[in-house]
Amino acid sequence: LILFPRKTKKPKKGDSSPEDCSNAKQLTGPLIPIKKPEFKIDSRKITAEMKKENVYAKLRKARSDARLVGIRKKRAAEKEAAE
C-alpha cells in the first residue's frame, strides 16, 4: 500500500517515500467485478379491493404503532399497578 502525500513538498509522517511513489504502478483492467442483482417483479391486475385500500394511511399507522410500542407497554403496566 502506497500512501501518496497530499503536498509533495511537505510530506507528513506515515506518507510513502518519494522513491516508492515514483515506482508505483497503477492497476488496469477489472479489479472487482460488479454483479447486478436480478429483480423479478410479479405483475398482477389491480382489483377493486386494492383500489379501495388506503395504503399510505396503513403504513403511517404501522409506523406510529411501532414507534409507540414502548410507551403503550409502560402505560399498561402503570395502569395495572394502580389497580
C-alpha atoms as a PDB file:
ATOM      1  CA  LEU A   1       0.000   0.000   0.000  1.00  0.00           C
ATOM      2  CA  ILE A   2       1.434   3.324  -1.042  1.00  0.00           C
ATOM      3  CA  LEU A   3       0.131   6.410   0.692  1.00  0.00           C
ATOM      4  CA  PHE A   4       0.703   9.408  -1.539  1.00  0.00           C
ATOM      5  CA  PRO A   5       1.320  12.704   0.287  1.00  0.00           C
ATOM      6  CA  ARG A   6      -1.241  15.464  -0.211  1.00  0.00           C
ATOM      7  CA  LYS A   7       1.515  18.047  -0.579  1.00  0.00           C
ATOM      8  CA  THR A   8       4.589  16.642  -2.303  1.00  0.00           C
ATOM      9  CA  LYS A   9       6.848  19.359  -0.868  1.00  0.00           C
ATOM     10  CA  LYS A  10       5.691  18.759   2.725  1.00  0.00           C
ATOM     11  CA  PRO A  11       5.172  15.008   3.302  1.00  0.00           C
ATOM     12  CA  LYS A  12       3.727  14.039   6.673  1.00  0.00           C
ATOM     13  CA  LYS A  13       4.628  11.151   8.927  1.00  0.00           C
ATOM     14  CA  GLY A  14       3.234   7.917   7.517  1.00  0.00           C
ATOM     15  CA  ASP A  15       3.371   9.021   3.854  1.00  0.00           C
ATOM     16  CA  SER A  16       5.359   6.872   1.445  1.00  0.00           C
ATOM     17  CA  SER A  17       8.818   7.942   0.398  1.00  0.00           C
ATOM     18  CA  PRO A  18       9.311   9.723  -2.941  1.00  0.00           C
ATOM     19  CA  GLU A  19      11.069   6.599  -4.309  1.00  0.00           C
ATOM     20  CA  ASP A  20       8.043   4.436  -3.521  1.00  0.00           C
ATOM     21  CA  CYS A  21       5.715   6.989  -5.094  1.00  0.00           C
ATOM     22  CA  SER A  22       7.771   7.139  -8.293  1.00  0.00           C
ATOM     23  CA  ASN A  23       7.915   3.323  -8.559  1.00  0.00           C
ATOM     24  CA  ALA A  24       4.161   2.925  -8.121  1.00  0.00           C
ATOM     25  CA  LYS A  25       2.237   1.261 -10.932  1.00  0.00           C
ATOM     26  CA  GLN A  26      -1.469   1.661 -11.425  1.00  0.00           C
ATOM     27  CA  LEU A  27      -3.505  -1.475 -11.917  1.00  0.00           C
ATOM     28  CA  THR A  28      -5.505  -1.658 -15.114  1.00  0.00           C
ATOM     29  CA  GLY A  29      -8.424  -3.863 -16.014  1.00  0.00           C
ATOM     30  CA  PRO A  30     -11.353  -5.021 -13.944  1.00  0.00           C
ATOM     31  CA  LEU A  31     -10.437  -5.149 -10.266  1.00  0.00           C
ATOM     32  CA  ILE A  32     -13.676  -6.294  -8.680  1.00  0.00           C
ATOM     33  CA  PRO A  33     -16.484  -7.450 -10.951  1.00  0.00           C
ATOM     34  CA  ILE A  34     -19.800  -5.826 -10.126  1.00  0.00           C
ATOM     35  CA  LYS A  35     -22.760  -8.161 -10.365  1.00  0.00           C
ATOM     36  CA  LYS A  36     -26.161  -6.571 -10.741  1.00  0.00           C
ATOM     37  CA  PRO A  37     -28.856  -8.402  -8.798  1.00  0.00           C
ATOM     38  CA  GLU A  38     -31.779  -9.615 -10.809  1.00  0.00           C
ATOM     39  CA  PHE A  39     -35.133  -8.383  -9.572  1.00  0.00           C
ATOM     40  CA  LYS A  40     -38.186 -10.330 -10.579  1.00  0.00           C
ATOM     41  CA  ILE A  41     -41.357  -8.288 -10.469  1.00  0.00           C
ATOM     42  CA  ASP A  42     -44.596 -10.188 -10.184  1.00  0.00           C
ATOM     43  CA  SER A  43     -47.290  -8.309 -12.030  1.00  0.00           C
ATOM     44  CA  ARG A  44     -50.983  -8.749 -11.396  1.00  0.00           C
ATOM     45  CA  LYS A  45     -54.213  -6.962 -12.111  1.00  0.00           C
ATOM     46  CA  ILE A  46     -55.403  -4.331  -9.670  1.00  0.00           C
ATOM     47  CA  THR A  47     -58.667  -5.391  -8.082  1.00  0.00           C
ATOM     48  CA  ALA A  48     -61.451  -3.184  -6.768  1.00  0.00           C
ATOM     49  CA  GLU A  49     -60.498  -4.212  -3.232  1.00  0.00           C
ATOM     50  CA  MET A  50     -56.949  -2.945  -3.819  1.00  0.00           C
ATOM     51  CA  LYS A  51     -58.269   0.360  -5.137  1.00  0.00           C
ATOM     52  CA  LYS A  52     -60.408   0.877  -2.014  1.00  0.00           C
ATOM     53  CA  GLU A  53     -57.471   0.348   0.328  1.00  0.00           C
ATOM     54  CA  ASN A  54     -55.614   3.410   1.621  1.00  0.00           C
ATOM     55  CA  VAL A  55     -52.041   2.108   1.724  1.00  0.00           C
ATOM     56  CA  TYR A  56     -50.479   5.379   2.860  1.00  0.00           C
ATOM     57  CA  ALA A  57     -52.691   5.527   5.947  1.00  0.00           C
ATOM     58  CA  LYS A  58     -51.965   1.869   6.675  1.00  0.00           C
ATOM     59  CA  LEU A  59     -48.194   2.479   6.519  1.00  0.00           C
ATOM     60  CA  ARG A  60     -48.431   5.583   8.741  1.00  0.00           C
ATOM     61  CA  LYS A  61     -50.486   3.618  11.288  1.00  0.00           C
ATOM     62  CA  ALA A  62     -47.952   0.759  11.308  1.00  0.00           C
ATOM     63  CA  ARG A  63     -45.093   3.235  11.724  1.00  0.00           C
ATOM     64  CA  SER A  64     -46.758   5.018  14.639  1.00  0.00           C
ATOM     65  CA  ASP A  65     -47.662   1.701  16.289  1.00  0.00           C
ATOM     66  CA  ALA A  66     -44.032   0.566  16.045  1.00  0.00           C
ATOM     67  CA  ARG A  67     -42.818   3.884  17.449  1.00  0.00           C
ATOM     68  CA  LEU A  68     -45.250   3.955  20.392  1.00  0.00           C
ATOM     69  CA  VAL A  69     -44.956   0.307  21.466  1.00  0.00           C
ATOM     70  CA  GLY A  70     -42.754   1.106  24.491  1.00  0.00           C
ATOM     71  CA  ILE A  71     -44.915   3.960  25.776  1.00  0.00           C
ATOM     72  CA  ARG A  72     -48.095   1.909  25.464  1.00  0.00           C
ATOM     73  CA  LYS A  73     -46.460  -1.012  27.283  1.00  0.00           C
ATOM     74  CA  LYS A  74     -45.326   1.307  30.096  1.00  0.00           C
ATOM     75  CA  ARG A  75     -48.786   2.887  30.425  1.00  0.00           C
ATOM     76  CA  ALA A  76     -50.432  -0.557  30.561  1.00  0.00           C
ATOM     77  CA  ALA A  77     -48.019  -1.632  33.308  1.00  0.00           C
ATOM     78  CA  GLU A  78     -48.697   1.564  35.306  1.00  0.00           C
ATOM     79  CA  LYS A  79     -52.459   1.125  34.899  1.00  0.00           C
ATOM     80  CA  GLU A  80     -52.210  -2.487  36.063  1.00  0.00           C
ATOM     81  CA  ALA A  81     -50.077  -1.480  39.046  1.00  0.00           C
ATOM     82  CA  ALA A  82     -52.581   1.227  40.038  1.00  0.00           C
ATOM     83  CA  GLU A  83     -55.491  -1.215  40.137  1.00  0.00           C
END
